[in-house]
Amino acid sequence: MRRSLNTLLLLLLAAPAAFAGGVPALESLDLPLLRQTGLPAAPYVPAPAAARSGYDWSGLPAYVFTEQERLSPPIVDAIDRTGRTLDVALYNLQIDDAVAALVRAKRRGVKVRVLFDKAHVLPEAGKQIKAVIDSGIETRMMNGRGGTGAMHCKYAVFDGTLLQTGSANWSGFAESFSYENVMFVADPDIVAGYEADFEWMWAQARPPSQPEAPAAKPSAPPSDPTPDVNFNGALLPDYVFSPRGGTEAAIVKAVDAARSEVDLAMFTFTSDKIMEALKRAAARGVTVKLMLFSGQKFPFFGEAKASRMALRFKDGRLEKGQMHNKFAVLDGRLLINGSYNWTVTAETANTENTIFTTAPEYVAPYKAEFDKLYSSAREP
């Protein structure tokens, strides 16, 4: 992560005029961070198609928060730029434009593989998932570990070069009803880790037409071979996967290293070990702010109040919507984000994906997003 960020900063200093196009772009530090000041975000404008030897992510946003922008246009644009490979792991899919983009990619010769949660394929797939299967795109499905969990990941890898992940499924519900986020990441170490995770899941998955086909037995998910995210002296992985890949332990390690503030936006939270880490943080004077979805039960209500944590609950954007984010910002310096709810199921049964980063172009906007949502959340 540090190597990629240094390269990015050198490019920005060398050629600032190249990033003045008015688009909140992956390669631009300035426009996305303007959102913290209350200035209106620039509209999403796809970059022009051009002949390119590798994947071109220019013009794609570093992140999207669904109450500010639609998540589907940049996802569709990112798909339309692929020229070689596209690996997609989705708990659910309900966006017609994304399906059409996947089909276009296949037709122009891209090797497209899509992995779904088994419960969203059998006994009956939804319209969009069925369309992917019927198109001839290579499709597989899987449960989590032991047949009880879910394939809960939400990510895509474009040409082995760019990663898109976050809390959001590719669905209209996520786009229009809920508070969600997606982030685009071009760090080669992180992208390589996600490619390894996809191959690991793919080997255990089965085609929808052959639910009993032979598949690899469950094993430990891939891990970051060079964890180098330095947070207050604690070395954390750039990425970590579930089940039983060490996500909970990495989060506990991060919380135990926090010195001033833990800001948590979480759909559901049931992990005893992480709660104990938060209680330790509060006891040593760290400000702990918990913002949870109002539609989920919180088993640590009494403990949070007794530890003087600031606890609030947040509804979705529209009726039946959700506060579906799964991110935390620690000391305003570390972002933890991905598909992983802080739950026992996410740790032990589901396949999940999580990123740890201290890159300011992600941390600062997510901190601003937390503060904005928290300010309108209700106290119990």
Protein backbone atom coordinates (compact mmCIF):
# COMPACT_ATOMS: atom_id res chain seq x y z
CA MET A 1 0.00 0.00 0.00
CA ARG A 2 2.79 2.48 0.91
CA ARG A 3 4.61 1.87 -2.39
CA SER A 4 1.48 2.58 -4.46
CA LEU A 5 0.59 5.66 -2.42
CA ASN A 6 4.09 7.14 -2.84
CA THR A 7 3.90 6.60 -6.59
CA LEU A 8 0.49 8.25 -6.67
CA LEU A 9 1.71 11.30 -4.77
CA LEU A 10 4.71 11.70 -7.09
CA LEU A 11 2.42 11.60 -10.11
CA LEU A 12 0.15 14.22 -8.58
CA LEU A 13 3.05 16.56 -7.82
CA ALA A 14 4.56 16.09 -11.27
CA ALA A 15 1.41 16.68 -13.29
CA PRO A 16 -1.41 18.36 -11.34
CA ALA A 17 -3.08 19.64 -14.50
CA ALA A 18 -3.78 16.07 -15.58
CA PHE A 19 -6.32 15.67 -12.77
CA ALA A 20 -8.32 18.87 -13.27
CA GLY A 21 -11.16 17.37 -15.27
CA GLY A 22 -13.92 17.92 -12.71
CA VAL A 23 -14.50 14.24 -11.92
CA PRO A 24 -14.10 12.68 -8.43
CA ALA A 25 -11.48 10.26 -9.69
CA LEU A 26 -9.49 7.36 -8.34
CA GLU A 27 -6.23 9.09 -9.22
CA SER A 28 -7.25 12.46 -7.77
CA LEU A 29 -6.83 13.38 -4.12
CA ASP A 30 -8.52 16.76 -4.40
CA LEU A 31 -12.07 16.41 -5.69
CA PRO A 32 -13.21 13.50 -3.49
CA LEU A 33 -11.93 15.29 -0.39
CA LEU A 34 -13.87 18.43 -1.29
CA ARG A 35 -16.98 16.55 -0.15
CA GLN A 36 -15.89 17.10 3.44
CA THR A 37 -16.22 20.86 3.03
CA GLY A 38 -19.86 20.75 2.02
CA LEU A 39 -19.17 21.65 -1.60
CA PRO A 40 -21.31 19.72 -4.09
CA ALA A 41 -19.72 16.58 -5.52
CA ALA A 42 -18.92 16.67 -9.23
CA PRO A 43 -21.26 14.48 -11.30
CA TYR A 44 -19.95 11.11 -12.41
CA VAL A 45 -18.73 11.26 -16.01
CA PRO A 46 -17.31 8.12 -17.64
CA ALA A 47 -13.84 8.47 -19.09
CA PRO A 48 -13.72 8.24 -22.90
CA ALA A 49 -13.00 4.83 -24.35
CA ALA A 50 -9.57 4.60 -25.90
CA ALA A 51 -7.11 2.03 -27.16
CA ARG A 52 -5.05 0.97 -24.16
CA SER A 53 -2.50 -1.73 -23.47
CA GLY A 54 -3.58 -2.16 -19.84
CA TYR A 55 -6.57 -1.37 -17.67
CA ASP A 56 -7.26 2.37 -17.49
CA TRP A 57 -9.02 3.46 -14.29
CA SER A 58 -8.80 7.21 -15.00
CA GLY A 59 -12.02 8.99 -14.10
CA LEU A 60 -13.35 6.22 -11.87
CA PRO A 61 -14.16 7.37 -8.32
CA ALA A 62 -12.03 6.32 -5.36
CA TYR A 63 -15.27 5.72 -3.44
CA VAL A 64 -19.04 6.17 -3.67
CA PHE A 65 -21.52 6.76 -0.85
CA THR A 66 -25.00 5.88 -2.07
CA GLU A 67 -26.82 8.87 -0.62
CA GLN A 68 -24.52 11.09 -2.71
CA GLU A 69 -24.15 9.20 -5.98
CA ARG A 70 -25.52 6.14 -7.76
CA LEU A 71 -23.23 3.15 -7.46
CA SER A 72 -24.18 1.49 -10.76
CA PRO A 73 -22.68 3.93 -13.33
CA PRO A 74 -19.05 3.56 -12.21
CA ILE A 75 -19.46 -0.21 -11.80
CA VAL A 76 -20.86 -0.53 -15.31
CA ASP A 77 -18.11 1.74 -16.65
CA ALA A 78 -15.45 -0.33 -14.89
CA ILE A 79 -16.88 -3.51 -16.45
CA ASP A 80 -16.97 -1.90 -19.89
CA ARG A 81 -13.25 -1.10 -19.66
CA THR A 82 -12.16 -4.69 -19.11
CA GLY A 83 -10.30 -6.34 -21.96
CA ARG A 84 -9.00 -9.64 -20.58
CA THR A 85 -10.45 -10.95 -17.30
CA LEU A 86 -13.29 -10.09 -14.95
CA ASP A 87 -13.86 -11.97 -11.69
CA VAL A 88 -16.97 -11.05 -9.70
CA ALA A 89 -18.04 -12.40 -6.28
CA LEU A 90 -21.51 -11.22 -5.23
CA TYR A 91 -23.89 -12.23 -2.50
CA ASN A 92 -26.69 -10.90 -4.69
CA LEU A 93 -27.19 -9.16 -8.05
CA GLN A 94 -30.25 -7.10 -9.02
CA ILE A 95 -29.04 -4.36 -11.39
CA ASP A 96 -30.04 -4.87 -15.04
CA ASP A 97 -27.35 -2.48 -16.33
CA ALA A 98 -24.65 -4.52 -14.59
CA VAL A 99 -25.96 -7.73 -16.14
CA ALA A 100 -25.92 -6.12 -19.59
CA ALA A 101 -22.34 -4.94 -19.02
CA LEU A 102 -21.24 -8.45 -17.97
CA VAL A 103 -22.79 -9.88 -21.14
CA ARG A 104 -21.08 -7.22 -23.28
CA ALA A 105 -17.76 -8.13 -21.68
CA LYS A 106 -18.23 -11.81 -22.51
CA ARG A 107 -19.19 -11.00 -26.11
CA ARG A 108 -16.03 -8.97 -26.69
CA GLY A 109 -13.87 -11.86 -25.51
CA VAL A 110 -13.31 -11.08 -21.83
CA LYS A 111 -13.00 -14.15 -19.62
CA VAL A 112 -15.87 -13.45 -17.20
CA ARG A 113 -16.42 -15.52 -14.08
CA VAL A 114 -19.21 -14.77 -11.62
CA LEU A 115 -19.60 -16.39 -8.19
CA PHE A 116 -22.89 -16.17 -6.30
CA ASP A 117 -24.17 -17.18 -2.90
CA LYS A 118 -25.89 -20.54 -3.34
CA ALA A 119 -29.09 -19.47 -1.57
CA HIS A 120 -29.56 -16.76 -4.23
CA VAL A 121 -29.31 -19.33 -7.04
CA LEU A 122 -31.17 -22.37 -5.70
CA PRO A 123 -33.95 -23.33 -5.53
CA GLU A 124 -34.81 -20.37 -7.77
CA ALA A 125 -32.60 -17.54 -8.98
CA GLY A 126 -33.79 -13.98 -9.33
CA LYS A 127 -34.23 -12.43 -12.77
CA GLN A 128 -30.78 -10.85 -12.99
CA ILE A 129 -28.86 -13.86 -11.67
CA LYS A 130 -30.80 -16.12 -14.02
CA ALA A 131 -29.92 -13.82 -16.91
CA VAL A 132 -26.22 -14.15 -16.10
CA ILE A 133 -26.49 -17.95 -15.97
CA ASP A 134 -28.53 -18.12 -19.19
CA SER A 135 -26.07 -15.86 -21.03
CA GLY A 136 -23.40 -18.54 -20.92
CA ILE A 137 -21.13 -16.58 -18.58
CA GLU A 138 -19.11 -19.01 -16.48
CA THR A 139 -21.04 -19.05 -13.20
CA ARG A 140 -20.62 -20.92 -9.94
CA MET A 141 -22.25 -20.87 -6.51
CA MET A 142 -21.23 -21.78 -2.99
CA ASN A 143 -22.21 -21.65 0.66
CA GLY A 144 -19.91 -20.58 3.42
CA ARG A 145 -18.08 -23.10 5.59
CA GLY A 146 -19.85 -26.30 6.60
CA GLY A 147 -22.90 -25.59 4.46
CA THR A 148 -24.34 -23.15 7.01
CA GLY A 149 -22.81 -19.81 6.11
CA ALA A 150 -23.13 -17.65 3.03
CA MET A 151 -20.85 -16.54 0.22
CA HIS A 152 -21.21 -12.97 1.48
CA CYS A 153 -18.40 -11.25 -0.47
CA LYS A 154 -19.09 -8.17 -2.60
CA TYR A 155 -16.18 -7.48 -4.94
CA ALA A 156 -14.94 -7.50 -8.51
CA VAL A 157 -11.43 -7.61 -10.00
CA PHE A 158 -11.02 -5.97 -13.41
CA ASP A 159 -8.18 -7.21 -15.66
CA GLY A 160 -6.24 -8.24 -12.56
CA THR A 161 -5.52 -4.53 -12.01
CA LEU A 162 -8.42 -2.82 -10.23
CA LEU A 163 -10.57 -3.93 -7.30
CA GLN A 164 -14.07 -2.75 -6.43
CA THR A 165 -15.41 -3.66 -3.00
CA GLY A 166 -17.38 -2.26 -0.05
CA SER A 167 -20.66 -2.97 1.70
CA ALA A 168 -22.96 -2.79 -1.32
CA ASN A 169 -24.40 -5.64 -3.29
CA TRP A 170 -25.02 -4.75 -6.92
CA SER A 171 -28.71 -4.10 -6.30
CA GLY A 172 -31.25 -1.36 -6.69
CA PHE A 173 -32.06 -1.74 -3.00
CA ALA A 174 -28.47 -0.86 -2.11
CA GLU A 175 -28.41 1.98 -4.59
CA SER A 176 -31.71 3.64 -3.73
CA PHE A 177 -32.86 2.58 -0.26
CA SER A 178 -29.83 2.00 1.94
CA TYR A 179 -26.72 3.73 3.21
CA GLU A 180 -23.88 1.88 1.49
CA ASN A 181 -20.37 2.42 0.18
CA VAL A 182 -18.13 1.09 -2.54
CA MET A 183 -14.43 1.75 -3.02
CA PHE A 184 -12.10 1.24 -5.98
CA VAL A 185 -8.53 0.16 -5.13
CA ALA A 186 -5.57 -0.17 -7.50
CA ASP A 187 -2.89 -1.28 -5.02
CA PRO A 188 -1.26 -4.31 -6.71
CA ASP A 189 -0.68 -6.22 -3.46
CA ILE A 190 -4.33 -5.92 -2.45
CA VAL A 191 -5.58 -6.79 -5.94
CA ALA A 192 -3.35 -9.87 -6.02
CA GLY A 193 -4.71 -10.96 -2.64
CA TYR A 194 -8.28 -10.66 -3.85
CA GLU A 195 -7.46 -12.62 -6.99
CA ALA A 196 -6.07 -15.40 -4.78
CA ASP A 197 -9.23 -15.32 -2.66
CA PHE A 198 -11.43 -15.57 -5.75
CA GLU A 199 -9.49 -18.61 -6.99
CA TRP A 200 -9.79 -20.16 -3.52
CA MET A 201 -13.58 -19.74 -3.52
CA TRP A 202 -13.95 -20.72 -7.18
CA ALA A 203 -12.30 -24.08 -6.52
CA GLN A 204 -14.87 -24.83 -3.78
CA ALA A 205 -17.86 -23.64 -5.82
CA ARG A 206 -20.09 -25.57 -8.21
CA PRO A 207 -21.99 -24.74 -11.42
CA PRO A 208 -25.70 -24.04 -10.88
CA SER A 209 -26.58 -26.93 -13.19
CA GLN A 210 -24.36 -29.34 -11.20
CA PRO A 211 -24.97 -28.66 -7.50
CA GLU A 212 -23.38 -32.00 -6.54
CA ALA A 213 -20.29 -31.69 -8.76
CA PRO A 214 -16.89 -32.41 -7.21
CA ALA A 215 -15.27 -29.38 -5.56
CA ALA A 216 -12.28 -28.60 -3.39
CA LYS A 217 -12.71 -29.23 0.32
CA PRO A 218 -12.87 -26.20 2.68
CA SER A 219 -9.48 -24.89 3.70
CA ALA A 220 -7.99 -21.75 5.20
CA PRO A 221 -8.50 -18.68 2.99
CA PRO A 222 -5.49 -16.83 1.54
CA SER A 223 -3.67 -14.42 3.84
CA ASP A 224 -1.53 -11.33 3.34
CA PRO A 225 2.10 -12.56 3.22
CA THR A 226 3.51 -9.12 4.04
CA PRO A 227 1.22 -7.32 6.54
CA ASP A 228 2.60 -3.77 6.57
CA VAL A 229 -0.22 -1.45 7.58
CA ASN A 230 1.42 0.31 10.54
CA PHE A 231 -1.19 1.68 12.93
CA ASN A 232 0.27 3.12 16.12
CA GLY A 233 2.98 0.47 16.05
CA ALA A 234 0.64 -2.46 15.35
CA LEU A 235 1.27 -4.19 12.01
CA LEU A 236 -2.00 -5.08 10.30
CA PRO A 237 -2.74 -6.88 7.01
CA ASP A 238 -3.67 -4.96 3.89
CA TYR A 239 -6.49 -7.47 3.47
CA VAL A 240 -7.97 -10.47 5.28
CA PHE A 241 -10.61 -13.04 4.32
CA SER A 242 -13.14 -15.23 6.08
CA PRO A 243 -14.10 -17.73 7.34
CA ARG A 244 -11.52 -18.34 10.03
CA GLY A 245 -8.88 -16.30 8.27
CA GLY A 246 -8.10 -14.01 11.18
CA THR A 247 -10.41 -11.07 10.49
CA GLU A 248 -11.71 -10.82 14.04
CA ALA A 249 -8.19 -11.04 15.48
CA ALA A 250 -6.95 -8.29 13.15
CA ILE A 251 -9.83 -6.01 14.15
CA VAL A 252 -9.17 -6.65 17.85
CA LYS A 253 -5.47 -5.84 17.29
CA ALA A 254 -6.42 -2.57 15.58
CA VAL A 255 -8.87 -1.55 18.33
CA ASP A 256 -6.29 -2.36 20.99
CA ALA A 257 -3.86 0.01 19.22
CA ALA A 258 -6.34 2.91 19.03
CA ARG A 259 -5.36 5.95 21.09
CA SER A 260 -8.09 8.54 20.66
CA GLU A 261 -11.26 7.47 18.83
CA VAL A 262 -13.05 4.49 17.30
CA ASP A 263 -15.92 5.35 14.93
CA LEU A 264 -17.98 2.33 13.88
CA ALA A 265 -20.74 2.19 11.24
CA MET A 266 -22.01 -1.40 11.29
CA PHE A 267 -25.10 -3.17 10.00
CA THR A 268 -24.95 -5.83 12.73
CA PHE A 269 -22.53 -6.48 15.59
CA THR A 270 -22.40 -9.65 17.75
CA SER A 271 -18.67 -10.40 18.22
CA ASP A 272 -17.81 -10.85 21.91
CA LYS A 273 -14.06 -10.54 21.27
CA ILE A 274 -14.36 -7.23 19.41
CA MET A 275 -16.76 -5.90 22.04
CA GLU A 276 -14.22 -6.75 24.75
CA ALA A 277 -11.56 -4.83 22.78
CA LEU A 278 -13.90 -1.82 22.54
CA LYS A 279 -14.49 -1.98 26.30
CA ARG A 280 -10.73 -1.99 26.87
CA ALA A 281 -10.42 1.01 24.56
CA ALA A 282 -13.14 2.93 26.39
CA ALA A 283 -11.53 2.10 29.74
CA ARG A 284 -8.23 3.68 28.68
CA GLY A 285 -9.96 6.87 27.55
CA VAL A 286 -10.59 6.22 23.86
CA THR A 287 -13.84 7.76 22.59
CA VAL A 288 -15.93 4.92 21.15
CA LYS A 289 -18.85 5.82 18.89
CA LEU A 290 -21.11 3.00 17.69
CA MET A 291 -23.65 3.61 14.90
CA LEU A 292 -25.70 0.50 14.21
CA PHE A 293 -28.65 -0.29 11.95
CA SER A 294 -31.85 0.23 13.89
CA GLY A 295 -33.41 -2.97 12.53
CA GLN A 296 -30.88 -5.31 14.15
CA LYS A 297 -30.69 -6.48 17.74
CA PHE A 298 -27.55 -5.40 19.65
CA PRO A 299 -26.66 -7.91 22.39
CA PHE A 300 -24.18 -5.56 24.09
CA PHE A 301 -26.52 -2.65 24.78
CA GLY A 302 -25.99 -2.69 28.55
CA GLU A 303 -22.23 -3.17 28.26
CA ALA A 304 -21.90 -0.29 25.81
CA LYS A 305 -23.80 2.06 28.10
CA ALA A 306 -21.90 0.90 31.19
CA SER A 307 -18.59 1.56 29.37
CA ARG A 308 -19.82 5.02 28.38
CA MET A 309 -19.66 4.32 24.67
CA ALA A 310 -21.64 6.71 22.50
CA LEU A 311 -24.34 4.49 21.00
CA ARG A 312 -26.71 5.54 18.21
CA PHE A 313 -29.03 3.77 15.77
CA LYS A 314 -29.60 4.66 12.12
CA ASP A 315 -32.45 3.79 9.75
CA GLY A 316 -32.07 3.37 6.01
CA ARG A 317 -32.50 6.18 3.51
CA LEU A 318 -36.06 5.16 2.61
CA GLU A 319 -38.68 2.94 4.23
CA LYS A 320 -37.40 -0.66 4.53
CA GLY A 321 -33.90 0.54 3.67
CA GLN A 322 -30.89 -0.18 5.86
CA MET A 323 -27.79 1.44 7.29
CA HIS A 324 -25.81 -1.35 5.64
CA ASN A 325 -22.25 0.00 5.96
CA LYS A 326 -19.56 -2.19 7.58
CA PHE A 327 -16.68 0.19 8.19
CA ALA A 328 -14.70 1.66 11.05
CA VAL A 329 -12.33 4.62 11.27
CA LEU A 330 -9.79 4.54 14.10
CA ASP A 331 -7.97 7.67 15.32
CA GLY A 332 -8.91 9.31 12.01
CA ARG A 333 -5.98 7.35 10.52
CA LEU A 334 -7.11 3.78 9.82
CA LEU A 335 -10.04 2.56 7.73
CA ILE A 336 -11.41 -0.98 8.04
CA ASN A 337 -13.93 -1.73 5.30
CA GLY A 338 -15.52 -4.54 3.32
CA SER A 339 -18.32 -7.09 3.46
CA TYR A 340 -17.59 -8.28 7.01
CA ASN A 341 -20.18 -7.52 9.69
CA TRP A 342 -18.64 -7.74 13.16
CA THR A 343 -20.41 -11.02 13.92
CA VAL A 344 -19.63 -14.60 14.87
CA THR A 345 -21.17 -15.83 11.61
CA ALA A 346 -18.94 -13.60 9.52
CA GLU A 347 -15.88 -14.89 11.36
CA THR A 348 -16.63 -18.61 11.45
CA ALA A 349 -19.03 -19.48 8.62
CA ASN A 350 -19.33 -16.89 5.83
CA THR A 351 -16.86 -16.10 3.10
CA GLU A 352 -16.09 -12.39 3.62
CA ASN A 353 -13.54 -9.77 2.53
CA THR A 354 -11.97 -6.91 4.50
CA ILE A 355 -9.42 -4.16 3.76
CA PHE A 356 -7.23 -2.24 6.23
CA THR A 357 -5.73 1.02 4.97
CA THR A 358 -4.15 4.20 6.31
CA ALA A 359 -4.20 5.88 2.88
CA PRO A 360 -5.66 9.36 3.56
CA GLU A 361 -7.58 9.52 0.27
CA TYR A 362 -9.84 6.80 1.70
CA VAL A 363 -9.64 7.38 5.45
CA ALA A 364 -10.60 11.07 5.44
CA PRO A 365 -13.76 10.72 3.31
CA TYR A 366 -14.95 7.73 5.31
CA LYS A 367 -14.41 9.66 8.53
CA ALA A 368 -16.46 12.53 7.09
CA GLU A 369 -19.18 10.10 6.03
CA PHE A 370 -19.34 8.60 9.50
CA ASP A 371 -19.61 12.03 11.12
CA LYS A 372 -22.42 13.04 8.76
CA LEU A 373 -24.49 9.88 9.29
CA TYR A 374 -23.82 9.81 13.02
CA SER A 375 -25.05 13.38 13.44
CA SER A 376 -28.52 12.36 12.26
CA ALA A 377 -28.64 8.96 14.00
CA ARG A 378 -30.87 8.59 17.04
CA GLU A 379 -29.80 7.93 20.59
CA PRO A 380 -31.44 4.93 22.33
